[in-house]
Amino acid sequence: MTENKMYFTASELAEILGISVGHAYKIIRKLNDELQKEGYIVIAGKVPKRYVEKRCFGFSA
């Protein structure tokens, strides 16, 4: 398994944020909706790591 993955899955996001997997899916849907409205192509059930860092932690993507 490579550590250079570009996306978080729901289980990875749940572990990082300390939330349930179901809630992680809700967050992924919300973030993907935001990205889609900006014209980006999204993958259901996954969210780009850099976008999570930007939106959840305030780090610049």
N, C-alpha and C. Protein backbone atom coordinates (compact mmCIF):
# COMPACT_ATOMS: atom_id res chain seq x y z
N MET A 1 0.84 -1.18 0.00
CA MET A 1 0.00 0.00 0.00
C MET A 1 0.89 1.25 0.00
N THR A 2 0.61 2.17 -0.90
CA THR A 2 1.43 3.36 -0.99
C THR A 2 0.92 4.45 -0.06
N GLU A 3 1.84 5.24 0.44
CA GLU A 3 1.48 6.35 1.31
C GLU A 3 1.22 7.63 0.52
N ASN A 4 1.43 7.59 -0.78
CA ASN A 4 1.25 8.77 -1.61
C ASN A 4 -0.12 8.84 -2.26
N LYS A 5 -1.13 8.28 -1.61
CA LYS A 5 -2.47 8.33 -2.15
C LYS A 5 -2.99 9.77 -2.12
N MET A 6 -3.80 10.11 -3.10
CA MET A 6 -4.31 11.46 -3.21
C MET A 6 -5.66 11.64 -2.53
N TYR A 7 -6.33 10.54 -2.19
CA TYR A 7 -7.69 10.61 -1.66
C TYR A 7 -7.80 9.94 -0.30
N PHE A 8 -8.74 10.44 0.51
CA PHE A 8 -9.13 9.78 1.74
C PHE A 8 -10.40 8.99 1.46
N THR A 9 -10.49 7.80 2.01
CA THR A 9 -11.74 7.04 2.00
C THR A 9 -12.50 7.41 3.27
N ALA A 10 -13.73 6.94 3.37
CA ALA A 10 -14.55 7.25 4.54
C ALA A 10 -13.93 6.68 5.82
N SER A 11 -13.40 5.48 5.75
CA SER A 11 -12.82 4.88 6.96
C SER A 11 -11.56 5.63 7.39
N GLU A 12 -10.75 6.08 6.43
CA GLU A 12 -9.56 6.87 6.78
C GLU A 12 -9.94 8.22 7.37
N LEU A 13 -10.93 8.87 6.77
CA LEU A 13 -11.39 10.16 7.26
C LEU A 13 -11.99 10.03 8.66
N ALA A 14 -12.73 8.95 8.88
CA ALA A 14 -13.33 8.71 10.20
C ALA A 14 -12.25 8.56 11.27
N GLU A 15 -11.21 7.85 10.94
CA GLU A 15 -10.12 7.64 11.89
C GLU A 15 -9.39 8.95 12.20
N ILE A 16 -9.12 9.74 11.17
CA ILE A 16 -8.40 10.99 11.34
C ILE A 16 -9.20 11.99 12.17
N LEU A 17 -10.50 12.09 11.89
CA LEU A 17 -11.34 13.08 12.57
C LEU A 17 -11.97 12.55 13.86
N GLY A 18 -11.84 11.25 14.11
CA GLY A 18 -12.42 10.65 15.31
C GLY A 18 -13.93 10.62 15.28
N ILE A 19 -14.48 10.28 14.13
CA ILE A 19 -15.94 10.22 13.95
C ILE A 19 -16.32 8.86 13.41
N SER A 20 -17.63 8.62 13.30
CA SER A 20 -18.08 7.35 12.74
C SER A 20 -17.92 7.35 11.23
N VAL A 21 -17.90 6.17 10.65
CA VAL A 21 -17.76 6.03 9.21
C VAL A 21 -18.98 6.64 8.50
N GLY A 22 -20.16 6.47 9.08
CA GLY A 22 -21.37 7.05 8.49
C GLY A 22 -21.29 8.57 8.41
N HIS A 23 -20.79 9.18 9.48
CA HIS A 23 -20.64 10.64 9.48
C HIS A 23 -19.55 11.07 8.49
N ALA A 24 -18.51 10.27 8.35
CA ALA A 24 -17.45 10.57 7.39
C ALA A 24 -18.01 10.58 5.97
N TYR A 25 -18.93 9.65 5.66
CA TYR A 25 -19.55 9.64 4.34
C TYR A 25 -20.35 10.93 4.11
N LYS A 26 -21.03 11.43 5.13
CA LYS A 26 -21.78 12.68 5.01
C LYS A 26 -20.84 13.84 4.70
N ILE A 27 -19.71 13.88 5.39
CA ILE A 27 -18.73 14.94 5.15
C ILE A 27 -18.16 14.83 3.74
N ILE A 28 -17.85 13.61 3.31
CA ILE A 28 -17.33 13.40 1.95
C ILE A 28 -18.34 13.88 0.91
N ARG A 29 -19.61 13.57 1.10
CA ARG A 29 -20.64 14.02 0.16
C ARG A 29 -20.69 15.55 0.11
N LYS A 30 -20.62 16.20 1.28
CA LYS A 30 -20.65 17.66 1.35
C LYS A 30 -19.45 18.27 0.63
N LEU A 31 -18.26 17.75 0.92
CA LEU A 31 -17.06 18.28 0.29
C LEU A 31 -17.06 18.03 -1.22
N ASN A 32 -17.51 16.85 -1.63
CA ASN A 32 -17.58 16.55 -3.06
C ASN A 32 -18.61 17.44 -3.77
N ASP A 33 -19.72 17.76 -3.10
CA ASP A 33 -20.70 18.68 -3.68
C ASP A 33 -20.07 20.05 -3.90
N GLU A 34 -19.29 20.52 -2.92
CA GLU A 34 -18.60 21.81 -3.07
C GLU A 34 -17.65 21.78 -4.26
N LEU A 35 -16.88 20.71 -4.37
CA LEU A 35 -15.92 20.59 -5.47
C LEU A 35 -16.63 20.52 -6.82
N GLN A 36 -17.73 19.79 -6.86
CA GLN A 36 -18.47 19.64 -8.11
C GLN A 36 -19.06 20.98 -8.56
N LYS A 37 -19.53 21.78 -7.62
CA LYS A 37 -20.07 23.10 -7.95
C LYS A 37 -18.99 24.03 -8.49
N GLU A 38 -17.74 23.78 -8.10
CA GLU A 38 -16.62 24.56 -8.61
C GLU A 38 -16.10 24.02 -9.94
N GLY A 39 -16.70 22.93 -10.43
CA GLY A 39 -16.36 22.40 -11.74
C GLY A 39 -15.36 21.25 -11.74
N TYR A 40 -15.03 20.73 -10.56
CA TYR A 40 -14.08 19.62 -10.49
C TYR A 40 -14.79 18.29 -10.66
N ILE A 41 -14.08 17.31 -11.14
CA ILE A 41 -14.58 15.94 -11.23
C ILE A 41 -14.37 15.29 -9.87
N VAL A 42 -15.38 14.62 -9.35
CA VAL A 42 -15.29 14.00 -8.03
C VAL A 42 -15.46 12.49 -8.14
N ILE A 43 -14.96 11.79 -7.13
CA ILE A 43 -15.10 10.34 -7.04
C ILE A 43 -15.96 10.04 -5.82
N ALA A 44 -17.07 9.37 -6.02
CA ALA A 44 -17.98 9.06 -4.92
C ALA A 44 -17.27 8.21 -3.87
N GLY A 45 -17.44 8.58 -2.61
CA GLY A 45 -16.86 7.82 -1.52
C GLY A 45 -15.42 8.16 -1.19
N LYS A 46 -14.85 9.10 -1.95
CA LYS A 46 -13.48 9.54 -1.70
C LYS A 46 -13.41 11.05 -1.82
N VAL A 47 -12.44 11.64 -1.12
CA VAL A 47 -12.27 13.09 -1.18
C VAL A 47 -10.77 13.38 -1.21
N PRO A 48 -10.35 14.38 -2.02
CA PRO A 48 -8.92 14.69 -2.10
C PRO A 48 -8.34 15.10 -0.74
N LYS A 49 -7.17 14.57 -0.43
CA LYS A 49 -6.52 14.85 0.86
C LYS A 49 -6.28 16.35 1.03
N ARG A 50 -5.81 17.00 0.01
CA ARG A 50 -5.50 18.44 0.12
C ARG A 50 -6.74 19.26 0.40
N TYR A 51 -7.87 18.87 -0.17
CA TYR A 51 -9.11 19.62 0.08
C TYR A 51 -9.57 19.43 1.51
N VAL A 52 -9.41 18.23 2.04
CA VAL A 52 -9.76 17.98 3.45
C VAL A 52 -8.87 18.82 4.35
N GLU A 53 -7.57 18.86 4.06
CA GLU A 53 -6.66 19.65 4.86
C GLU A 53 -7.04 21.12 4.83
N LYS A 54 -7.43 21.60 3.68
CA LYS A 54 -7.82 23.00 3.53
C LYS A 54 -9.10 23.31 4.29
N ARG A 55 -10.12 22.48 4.12
CA ARG A 55 -11.44 22.75 4.71
C ARG A 55 -11.53 22.42 6.19
N CYS A 56 -10.86 21.37 6.63
CA CYS A 56 -10.98 20.93 8.02
C CYS A 56 -9.92 21.50 8.92
N PHE A 57 -8.73 21.71 8.39
CA PHE A 57 -7.61 22.13 9.23
C PHE A 57 -7.08 23.51 8.88
N GLY A 58 -7.54 24.10 7.79
CA GLY A 58 -7.12 25.43 7.41
C GLY A 58 -5.78 25.51 6.70
N PHE A 59 -5.24 24.36 6.29
CA PHE A 59 -3.97 24.36 5.56
C PHE A 59 -4.23 24.73 4.12
N SER A 60 -3.31 25.43 3.54
CA SER A 60 -3.44 25.83 2.15
C SER A 60 -3.18 24.65 1.23
N ALA A 61 -4.10 24.47 0.28
CA ALA A 61 -3.94 23.38 -0.68
C ALA A 61 -3.14 23.91 -1.78
